[in-house]
């Protein structure tokens, strides 16, 4: 599958992303874009994905969220995990 670049991200193609792609894009947005420039892309991603940050010590919560489809990725902060779950339908309250 072709990777979608941030500049080409739209409400139509955001559904083609996997959780891994969404994590990669979220990290790029935090490091390469100013806050006012990243808001548009964050809103687009939030229509298709739900994000949760939890402490690595909350293993029970991580296991419970994994049952609902969350995939977890380690952040640079050694104590935090980023959970991402693809939504079944678009979030209506984003825009």
PDB file of N, CA and C in Angstrom:
ATOM      1  N   UNK A   1       0.839  -1.185   0.000  1.00  0.00           N
ATOM      2  CA  UNK A   1       0.000   0.000   0.000  1.00  0.00           C
ATOM      3  C   UNK A   1       0.883   1.247   0.000  1.00  0.00           C
ATOM      4  N   UNK A   2       0.488   2.231  -0.767  1.00  0.00           N
ATOM      5  CA  UNK A   2       1.227   3.487  -0.808  1.00  0.00           C
ATOM      6  C   UNK A   2       0.980   4.280   0.466  1.00  0.00           C
ATOM      7  N   UNK A   3       2.037   4.863   0.980  1.00  0.00           N
ATOM      8  CA  UNK A   3       1.886   5.692   2.171  1.00  0.00           C
ATOM      9  C   UNK A   3       1.358   7.057   1.768  1.00  0.00           C
ATOM     10  N   UNK A   4       0.367   7.522   2.506  1.00  0.00           N
ATOM     11  CA  UNK A   4      -0.206   8.834   2.266  1.00  0.00           C
ATOM     12  C   UNK A   4       0.640   9.863   3.012  1.00  0.00           C
ATOM     13  N   UNK A   5       1.056  10.888   2.306  1.00  0.00           N
ATOM     14  CA  UNK A   5       1.839  11.943   2.933  1.00  0.00           C
ATOM     15  C   UNK A   5       0.903  12.961   3.577  1.00  0.00           C
ATOM     16  N   UNK A   6       1.414  13.679   4.544  1.00  0.00           N
ATOM     17  CA  UNK A   6       0.603  14.632   5.301  1.00  0.00           C
ATOM     18  C   UNK A   6      -0.052  15.656   4.386  1.00  0.00           C
ATOM     19  N   UNK A   7       0.691  16.177   3.436  1.00  0.00           N
ATOM     20  CA  UNK A   7       0.166  17.229   2.560  1.00  0.00           C
ATOM     21  C   UNK A   7      -1.006  16.742   1.715  1.00  0.00           C
ATOM     22  N   UNK A   8      -1.085  15.428   1.470  1.00  0.00           N
ATOM     23  CA  UNK A   8      -2.141  14.859   0.641  1.00  0.00           C
ATOM     24  C   UNK A   8      -3.286  14.281   1.461  1.00  0.00           C
ATOM     25  N   UNK A   9      -3.250  14.445   2.765  1.00  0.00           N
ATOM     26  CA  UNK A   9      -4.260  13.867   3.642  1.00  0.00           C
ATOM     27  C   UNK A   9      -5.596  14.584   3.475  1.00  0.00           C
ATOM     28  N   UNK A  10      -6.663  13.808   3.313  1.00  0.00           N
ATOM     29  CA  UNK A  10      -7.999  14.388   3.149  1.00  0.00           C
ATOM     30  C   UNK A  10      -9.013  13.539   3.908  1.00  0.00           C
ATOM     31  N   UNK A  11     -10.231  14.045   3.998  1.00  0.00           N
ATOM     32  CA  UNK A  11     -11.299  13.298   4.669  1.00  0.00           C
ATOM     33  C   UNK A  11     -11.634  12.009   3.932  1.00  0.00           C
ATOM     34  N   UNK A  12     -11.353  11.954   2.643  1.00  0.00           N
ATOM     35  CA  UNK A  12     -11.638  10.762   1.856  1.00  0.00           C
ATOM     36  C   UNK A  12     -10.561   9.692   2.025  1.00  0.00           C
ATOM     37  N   UNK A  13      -9.290  10.073   1.987  1.00  0.00           N
ATOM     38  CA  UNK A  13      -8.242   9.056   2.024  1.00  0.00           C
ATOM     39  C   UNK A  13      -7.738   8.727   3.429  1.00  0.00           C
ATOM     40  N   UNK A  14      -8.190   9.425   4.446  1.00  0.00           N
ATOM     41  CA  UNK A  14      -7.738   9.122   5.810  1.00  0.00           C
ATOM     42  C   UNK A  14      -8.164   7.715   6.222  1.00  0.00           C
ATOM     43  N   UNK A  15      -9.236   7.213   5.627  1.00  0.00           N
ATOM     44  CA  UNK A  15      -9.729   5.868   5.960  1.00  0.00           C
ATOM     45  C   UNK A  15      -8.835   4.775   5.400  1.00  0.00           C
ATOM     46  N   UNK A  16      -7.952   5.106   4.481  1.00  0.00           N
ATOM     47  CA  UNK A  16      -7.008   4.134   3.932  1.00  0.00           C
ATOM     48  C   UNK A  16      -5.821   3.898   4.861  1.00  0.00           C
ATOM     49  N   UNK A  17      -5.638   4.763   5.844  1.00  0.00           N
ATOM     50  CA  UNK A  17      -4.508   4.644   6.769  1.00  0.00           C
ATOM     51  C   UNK A  17      -4.718   3.491   7.747  1.00  0.00           C
ATOM     52  N   UNK A  18      -3.614   2.908   8.166  1.00  0.00           N
ATOM     53  CA  UNK A  18      -3.641   1.937   9.253  1.00  0.00           C
ATOM     54  C   UNK A  18      -3.308   2.672  10.548  1.00  0.00           C
ATOM     55  N   UNK A  19      -3.416   1.981  11.669  1.00  0.00           N
ATOM     56  CA  UNK A  19      -3.041   2.588  12.944  1.00  0.00           C
ATOM     57  C   UNK A  19      -1.575   2.977  12.943  1.00  0.00           C
ATOM     58  N   UNK A  20      -0.731   2.165  12.308  1.00  0.00           N
ATOM     59  CA  UNK A  20       0.697   2.464  12.235  1.00  0.00           C
ATOM     60  C   UNK A  20       0.945   3.740  11.431  1.00  0.00           C
ATOM     61  N   UNK A  21       0.216   3.890  10.316  1.00  0.00           N
ATOM     62  CA  UNK A  21       0.341   5.107   9.506  1.00  0.00           C
ATOM     63  C   UNK A  21      -0.104   6.340  10.295  1.00  0.00           C
ATOM     64  N   UNK A  22      -1.217   6.205  11.025  1.00  0.00           N
ATOM     65  CA  UNK A  22      -1.729   7.329  11.818  1.00  0.00           C
ATOM     66  C   UNK A  22      -0.730   7.729  12.893  1.00  0.00           C
ATOM     67  N   UNK A  23      -0.075   6.756  13.511  1.00  0.00           N
ATOM     68  CA  UNK A  23       0.943   7.045  14.525  1.00  0.00           C
ATOM     69  C   UNK A  23       2.128   7.773  13.895  1.00  0.00           C
ATOM     70  N   UNK A  24       2.561   7.299  12.744  1.00  0.00           N
ATOM     71  CA  UNK A  24       3.688   7.933  12.034  1.00  0.00           C
ATOM     72  C   UNK A  24       3.357   9.379  11.680  1.00  0.00           C
ATOM     73  N   UNK A  25       2.171   9.614  11.161  1.00  0.00           N
ATOM     74  CA  UNK A  25       1.761  10.965  10.786  1.00  0.00           C
ATOM     75  C   UNK A  25       1.626  11.858  12.016  1.00  0.00           C
ATOM     76  N   UNK A  26       1.065  11.323  13.101  1.00  0.00           N
ATOM     77  CA  UNK A  26       0.920  12.111  14.332  1.00  0.00           C
ATOM     78  C   UNK A  26       2.280  12.546  14.858  1.00  0.00           C
ATOM     79  N   UNK A  27       3.266  11.656  14.818  1.00  0.00           N
ATOM     80  CA  UNK A  27       4.615  12.026  15.257  1.00  0.00           C
ATOM     81  C   UNK A  27       5.219  13.102  14.356  1.00  0.00           C
ATOM     82  N   UNK A  28       5.023  12.977  13.052  1.00  0.00           N
ATOM     83  CA  UNK A  28       5.538  13.974  12.123  1.00  0.00           C
ATOM     84  C   UNK A  28       4.881  15.329  12.355  1.00  0.00           C
ATOM     85  N   UNK A  29       3.580  15.322  12.624  1.00  0.00           N
ATOM     86  CA  UNK A  29       2.888  16.583  12.870  1.00  0.00           C
ATOM     87  C   UNK A  29       3.436  17.288  14.102  1.00  0.00           C
ATOM     88  N   UNK A  30       3.758  16.528  15.139  1.00  0.00           N
ATOM     89  CA  UNK A  30       4.274  17.123  16.369  1.00  0.00           C
ATOM     90  C   UNK A  30       5.674  17.685  16.202  1.00  0.00           C
ATOM     91  N   UNK A  31       6.478  17.062  15.352  1.00  0.00           N
ATOM     92  CA  UNK A  31       7.879  17.480  15.241  1.00  0.00           C
ATOM     93  C   UNK A  31       8.147  18.462  14.104  1.00  0.00           C
ATOM     94  N   UNK A  32       7.381  18.375  13.005  1.00  0.00           N
ATOM     95  CA  UNK A  32       7.720  19.163  11.815  1.00  0.00           C
ATOM     96  C   UNK A  32       6.791  20.329  11.528  1.00  0.00           C
ATOM     97  N   UNK A  33       5.668  20.416  12.225  1.00  0.00           N
ATOM     98  CA  UNK A  33       4.680  21.444  11.903  1.00  0.00           C
ATOM     99  C   UNK A  33       4.417  22.340  13.105  1.00  0.00           C
ATOM    100  N   UNK A  34       4.211  23.617  12.821  1.00  0.00           N
ATOM    101  CA  UNK A  34       3.806  24.553  13.865  1.00  0.00           C
ATOM    102  C   UNK A  34       2.374  24.231  14.279  1.00  0.00           C
ATOM    103  N   UNK A  35       2.018  24.647  15.487  1.00  0.00           N
ATOM    104  CA  UNK A  35       0.709  24.304  16.034  1.00  0.00           C
ATOM    105  C   UNK A  35      -0.441  24.770  15.141  1.00  0.00           C
ATOM    106  N   UNK A  36      -0.364  25.982  14.628  1.00  0.00           N
ATOM    107  CA  UNK A  36      -1.459  26.485  13.796  1.00  0.00           C
ATOM    108  C   UNK A  36      -1.572  25.752  12.463  1.00  0.00           C
ATOM    109  N   UNK A  37      -0.478  25.199  11.962  1.00  0.00           N
ATOM    110  CA  UNK A  37      -0.494  24.452  10.702  1.00  0.00           C
ATOM    111  C   UNK A  37      -0.974  23.009  10.895  1.00  0.00           C
ATOM    112  N   UNK A  38      -0.747  22.438  12.076  1.00  0.00           N
ATOM    113  CA  UNK A  38      -1.099  21.028  12.270  1.00  0.00           C
ATOM    114  C   UNK A  38      -2.563  20.811  12.626  1.00  0.00           C
ATOM    115  N   UNK A  39      -3.284  21.840  13.073  1.00  0.00           N
ATOM    116  CA  UNK A  39      -4.674  21.666  13.495  1.00  0.00           C
ATOM    117  C   UNK A  39      -5.557  21.063  12.406  1.00  0.00           C
ATOM    118  N   UNK A  40      -5.389  21.502  11.181  1.00  0.00           N
ATOM    119  CA  UNK A  40      -6.201  20.981  10.076  1.00  0.00           C
ATOM    120  C   UNK A  40      -6.010  19.476   9.925  1.00  0.00           C
ATOM    121  N   UNK A  41      -4.765  19.030   9.958  1.00  0.00           N
ATOM    122  CA  UNK A  41      -4.470  17.614   9.759  1.00  0.00           C
ATOM    123  C   UNK A  41      -4.895  16.775  10.968  1.00  0.00           C
ATOM    124  N   UNK A  42      -4.752  17.323  12.151  1.00  0.00           N
ATOM    125  CA  UNK A  42      -5.188  16.612  13.363  1.00  0.00           C
ATOM    126  C   UNK A  42      -6.694  16.381  13.312  1.00  0.00           C
ATOM    127  N   UNK A  43      -7.442  17.373  12.866  1.00  0.00           N
ATOM    128  CA  UNK A  43      -8.894  17.218  12.751  1.00  0.00           C
ATOM    129  C   UNK A  43      -9.256  16.130  11.744  1.00  0.00           C
ATOM    130  N   UNK A  44      -8.538  16.077  10.642  1.00  0.00           N
ATOM    131  CA  UNK A  44      -8.802  15.045   9.633  1.00  0.00           C
ATOM    132  C   UNK A  44      -8.527  13.663  10.208  1.00  0.00           C
ATOM    133  N   UNK A  45      -7.396  13.495  10.881  1.00  0.00           N
ATOM    134  CA  UNK A  45      -7.055  12.196  11.454  1.00  0.00           C
ATOM    135  C   UNK A  45      -8.055  11.797  12.538  1.00  0.00           C
ATOM    136  N   UNK A  46      -8.509  12.762  13.315  1.00  0.00           N
ATOM    137  CA  UNK A  46      -9.455  12.463  14.394  1.00  0.00           C
ATOM    138  C   UNK A  46     -10.820  12.006  13.880  1.00  0.00           C
ATOM    139  N   UNK A  47     -11.141  12.262  12.614  1.00  0.00           N
ATOM    140  CA  UNK A  47     -12.402  11.752  12.079  1.00  0.00           C
ATOM    141  C   UNK A  47     -12.372  10.236  11.936  1.00  0.00           C
ATOM    142  N   UNK A  48     -11.187   9.672  11.723  1.00  0.00           N
ATOM    143  CA  UNK A  48     -11.067   8.239  11.466  1.00  0.00           C
ATOM    144  C   UNK A  48     -10.425   7.463  12.616  1.00  0.00           C
ATOM    145  N   UNK A  49      -9.735   8.144  13.534  1.00  0.00           N
ATOM    146  CA  UNK A  49      -9.010   7.454  14.597  1.00  0.00           C
ATOM    147  C   UNK A  49      -9.282   8.082  15.952  1.00  0.00           C
ATOM    148  N   UNK A  50      -9.243   7.244  16.967  1.00  0.00           N
ATOM    149  CA  UNK A  50      -9.325   7.716  18.345  1.00  0.00           C
ATOM    150  C   UNK A  50      -7.958   7.494  18.981  1.00  0.00           C
ATOM    151  N   UNK A  51      -7.496   8.482  19.729  1.00  0.00           N
ATOM    152  CA  UNK A  51      -6.181   8.427  20.357  1.00  0.00           C
ATOM    153  C   UNK A  51      -6.327   8.429  21.867  1.00  0.00           C
ATOM    154  N   UNK A  52      -5.501   7.626  22.548  1.00  0.00           N
ATOM    155  CA  UNK A  52      -5.445   7.612  24.011  1.00  0.00           C
ATOM    156  C   UNK A  52      -3.993   7.490  24.440  1.00  0.00           C
ATOM    157  N   UNK A  53      -3.594   8.309  25.395  1.00  0.00           N
ATOM    158  CA  UNK A  53      -2.267   8.180  26.006  1.00  0.00           C
ATOM    159  C   UNK A  53      -2.442   7.621  27.392  1.00  0.00           C
ATOM    160  N   UNK A  54      -1.682   6.573  27.680  1.00  0.00           N
ATOM    161  CA  UNK A  54      -1.755   5.974  29.011  1.00  0.00           C
ATOM    162  C   UNK A  54      -0.343   5.695  29.514  1.00  0.00           C
ATOM    163  N   UNK A  55      -0.247   5.541  30.811  1.00  0.00           N
ATOM    164  CA  UNK A  55       1.025   5.193  31.433  1.00  0.00           C
ATOM    165  C   UNK A  55       1.320   3.717  31.183  1.00  0.00           C
ATOM    166  N   UNK A  56       2.588   3.382  31.031  1.00  0.00           N
ATOM    167  CA  UNK A  56       2.970   1.979  30.847  1.00  0.00           C
ATOM    168  C   UNK A  56       2.618   1.131  32.062  1.00  0.00           C
ATOM    169  N   UNK A  57       2.440   1.764  33.208  1.00  0.00           N
ATOM    170  CA  UNK A  57       2.102   0.998  34.409  1.00  0.00           C
ATOM    171  C   UNK A  57       0.640   0.582  34.423  1.00  0.00           C
ATOM    172  N   UNK A  58      -0.175   1.124  33.539  1.00  0.00           N
ATOM    173  CA  UNK A  58      -1.599   0.789  33.483  1.00  0.00           C
ATOM    174  C   UNK A  58      -1.834  -0.372  32.513  1.00  0.00           C
ATOM    175  N   UNK A  59      -1.240  -1.515  32.818  1.00  0.00           N
ATOM    176  CA  UNK A  59      -1.326  -2.675  31.931  1.00  0.00           C
ATOM    177  C   UNK A  59      -2.757  -3.192  31.799  1.00  0.00           C
ATOM    178  N   UNK A  60      -3.514  -3.150  32.862  1.00  0.00           N
ATOM    179  CA  UNK A  60      -4.902  -3.630  32.807  1.00  0.00           C
ATOM    180  C   UNK A  60      -5.723  -2.766  31.864  1.00  0.00           C
ATOM    181  N   UNK A  61      -5.555  -1.451  31.958  1.00  0.00           N
ATOM    182  CA  UNK A  61      -6.261  -0.548  31.060  1.00  0.00           C
ATOM    183  C   UNK A  61      -5.837  -0.794  29.614  1.00  0.00           C
ATOM    184  N   UNK A  62      -4.556  -0.982  29.376  1.00  0.00           N
ATOM    185  CA  UNK A  62      -4.067  -1.249  28.024  1.00  0.00           C
ATOM    186  C   UNK A  62      -4.664  -2.549  27.482  1.00  0.00           C
ATOM    187  N   UNK A  63      -4.728  -3.575  28.309  1.00  0.00           N
ATOM    188  CA  UNK A  63      -5.323  -4.844  27.880  1.00  0.00           C
ATOM    189  C   UNK A  63      -6.802  -4.680  27.561  1.00  0.00           C
ATOM    190  N   UNK A  64      -7.520  -3.930  28.388  1.00  0.00           N
ATOM    191  CA  UNK A  64      -8.944  -3.705  28.142  1.00  0.00           C
ATOM    192  C   UNK A  64      -9.168  -2.903  26.863  1.00  0.00           C
ATOM    193  N   UNK A  65      -8.360  -1.872  26.646  1.00  0.00           N
ATOM    194  CA  UNK A  65      -8.491  -1.074  25.426  1.00  0.00           C
ATOM    195  C   UNK A  65      -8.113  -1.886  24.188  1.00  0.00           C
ATOM    196  N   UNK A  66      -7.150  -2.788  24.324  1.00  0.00           N
ATOM    197  CA  UNK A  66      -6.759  -3.651  23.202  1.00  0.00           C
ATOM    198  C   UNK A  66      -7.929  -4.532  22.768  1.00  0.00           C
ATOM    199  N   UNK A  67      -8.775  -4.918  23.718  1.00  0.00           N
ATOM    200  CA  UNK A  67      -9.962  -5.716  23.370  1.00  0.00           C
ATOM    201  C   UNK A  67     -10.918  -4.931  22.496  1.00  0.00           C
ATOM    202  N   UNK A  68     -10.878  -3.610  22.584  1.00  0.00           N
ATOM    203  CA  UNK A  68     -11.728  -2.752  21.765  1.00  0.00           C
ATOM    204  C   UNK A  68     -11.048  -2.325  20.469  1.00  0.00           C
ATOM    205  N   UNK A  69      -9.875  -2.868  20.201  1.00  0.00           N
ATOM    206  CA  UNK A  69      -9.200  -2.593  18.942  1.00  0.00           C
ATOM    207  C   UNK A  69      -8.057  -1.606  18.994  1.00  0.00           C
ATOM    208  N   UNK A  70      -7.692  -1.120  20.173  1.00  0.00           N
ATOM    209  CA  UNK A  70      -6.579  -0.184  20.275  1.00  0.00           C
ATOM    210  C   UNK A  70      -5.256  -0.897  20.052  1.00  0.00           C
ATOM    211  N   UNK A  71      -4.377  -0.252  19.305  1.00  0.00           N
ATOM    212  CA  UNK A  71      -2.993  -0.700  19.155  1.00  0.00           C
ATOM    213  C   UNK A  71      -2.131   0.326  19.867  1.00  0.00           C
ATOM    214  N   UNK A  72      -1.118  -0.131  20.600  1.00  0.00           N
ATOM    215  CA  UNK A  72      -0.300   0.766  21.402  1.00  0.00           C
ATOM    216  C   UNK A  72       1.111   0.877  20.839  1.00  0.00           C
ATOM    217  N   UNK A  73       1.629   2.111  20.919  1.00  0.00           N
ATOM    218  CA  UNK A  73       2.962   2.425  20.422  1.00  0.00           C
ATOM    219  C   UNK A  73       3.712   3.187  21.503  1.00  0.00           C
ATOM    220  N   UNK A  74       4.999   2.855  21.703  1.00  0.00           N
ATOM    221  CA  UNK A  74       5.777   3.588  22.717  1.00  0.00           C
ATOM    222  C   UNK A  74       6.128   4.989  22.218  1.00  0.00           C
ATOM    223  N   UNK A  75       6.092   5.937  23.132  1.00  0.00           N
ATOM    224  CA  UNK A  75       6.502   7.305  22.835  1.00  0.00           C
ATOM    225  C   UNK A  75       7.923   7.517  23.333  1.00  0.00           C
ATOM    226  N   UNK A  76       8.518   8.655  22.980  1.00  0.00           N
ATOM    227  CA  UNK A  76       9.874   8.944  23.444  1.00  0.00           C
ATOM    228  C   UNK A  76       9.934   9.015  24.958  1.00  0.00           C
ATOM    229  N   UNK A  77       8.853   9.480  25.556  1.00  0.00           N
ATOM    230  CA  UNK A  77       8.739   9.465  27.010  1.00  0.00           C
ATOM    231  C   UNK A  77       8.626   7.992  27.414  1.00  0.00           C
ATOM    232  N   UNK A  78       9.572   7.489  28.172  1.00  0.00           N
ATOM    233  CA  UNK A  78       9.644   6.058  28.456  1.00  0.00           C
ATOM    234  C   UNK A  78       8.493   5.543  29.320  1.00  0.00           C
ATOM    235  N   UNK A  79       7.685   6.434  29.867  1.00  0.00           N
ATOM    236  CA  UNK A  79       6.602   6.016  30.748  1.00  0.00           C
ATOM    237  C   UNK A  79       5.227   6.061  30.095  1.00  0.00           C
ATOM    238  N   UNK A  80       5.148   6.398  28.809  1.00  0.00           N
ATOM    239  CA  UNK A  80       3.849   6.621  28.181  1.00  0.00           C
ATOM    240  C   UNK A  80       3.693   5.791  26.913  1.00  0.00           C
ATOM    241  N   UNK A  81       2.468   5.309  26.692  1.00  0.00           N
ATOM    242  CA  UNK A  81       2.102   4.614  25.468  1.00  0.00           C
ATOM    243  C   UNK A  81       1.025   5.427  24.743  1.00  0.00           C
ATOM    244  N   UNK A  82       1.062   5.401  23.423  1.00  0.00           N
ATOM    245  CA  UNK A  82       0.038   6.043  22.609  1.00  0.00           C
ATOM    246  C   UNK A  82      -0.850   4.949  22.043  1.00  0.00           C
ATOM    247  N   UNK A  83      -2.126   4.978  22.390  1.00  0.00           N
ATOM    248  CA  UNK A  83      -3.082   4.015  21.866  1.00  0.00           C
ATOM    249  C   UNK A  83      -3.868   4.627  20.726  1.00  0.00           C
ATOM    250  N   UNK A  84      -4.046   3.850  19.644  1.00  0.00           N
ATOM    251  CA  UNK A  84      -4.776   4.321  18.476  1.00  0.00           C
ATOM    252  C   UNK A  84      -5.757   3.245  18.048  1.00  0.00           C
ATOM    253  N   UNK A  85      -6.985   3.669  17.770  1.00  0.00           N
ATOM    254  CA  UNK A  85      -8.027   2.753  17.321  1.00  0.00           C
ATOM    255  C   UNK A  85      -8.753   3.388  16.140  1.00  0.00           C
ATOM    256  N   UNK A  86      -8.936   2.606  15.079  1.00  0.00           N
ATOM    257  CA  UNK A  86      -9.677   3.110  13.923  1.00  0.00           C
ATOM    258  C   UNK A  86     -11.164   3.082  14.247  1.00  0.00           C
ATOM    259  N   UNK A  87     -11.828   4.184  13.974  1.00  0.00           N
ATOM    260  CA  UNK A  87     -13.266   4.287  14.228  1.00  0.00           C
ATOM    261  C   UNK A  87     -14.039   3.471  13.190  1.00  0.00           C
ATOM    262  N   UNK A  88     -15.223   3.040  13.568  1.00  0.00           N
ATOM    263  CA  UNK A  88     -16.099   2.310  12.641  1.00  0.00           C
ATOM    264  C   UNK A  88     -16.831   3.271  11.704  1.00  0.00           C
ATOM    265  N   UNK A  89     -17.089   4.481  12.192  1.00  0.00           N
ATOM    266  CA  UNK A  89     -17.772   5.518  11.407  1.00  0.00           C
ATOM    267  C   UNK A  89     -17.099   6.853  11.720  1.00  0.00           C
ATOM    268  N   UNK A  90     -17.200   7.817  10.821  1.00  0.00           N
ATOM    269  CA  UNK A  90     -16.564   9.115  11.060  1.00  0.00           C
ATOM    270  C   UNK A  90     -17.095   9.808  12.305  1.00  0.00           C
ATOM    271  N   UNK A  91     -16.204  10.464  13.015  1.00  0.00           N
ATOM    272  CA  UNK A  91     -16.608  11.272  14.159  1.00  0.00           C
ATOM    273  C   UNK A  91     -17.271  12.524  13.610  1.00  0.00           C
ATOM    274  N   UNK A  92     -18.458  12.838  14.104  1.00  0.00           N
ATOM    275  CA  UNK A  92     -19.220  13.969  13.573  1.00  0.00           C
ATOM    276  C   UNK A  92     -18.829  15.291  14.220  1.00  0.00           C
ATOM    277  N   UNK A  93     -18.281  15.255  15.404  1.00  0.00           N
ATOM    278  CA  UNK A  93     -18.046  16.485  16.146  1.00  0.00           C
ATOM    279  C   UNK A  93     -16.676  17.095  15.898  1.00  0.00           C
ATOM    280  N   UNK A  94     -15.932  16.625  14.924  1.00  0.00           N
ATOM    281  CA  UNK A  94     -14.574  17.106  14.718  1.00  0.00           C
ATOM    282  C   UNK A  94     -14.547  18.465  14.033  1.00  0.00           C
ATOM    283  N   UNK A  95     -15.353  18.688  13.007  1.00  0.00           N
ATOM    284  CA  UNK A  95     -15.307  19.962  12.274  1.00  0.00           C
ATOM    285  C   UNK A  95     -16.397  20.874  12.699  1.00  0.00           C
TER     286      UNK A  95
END
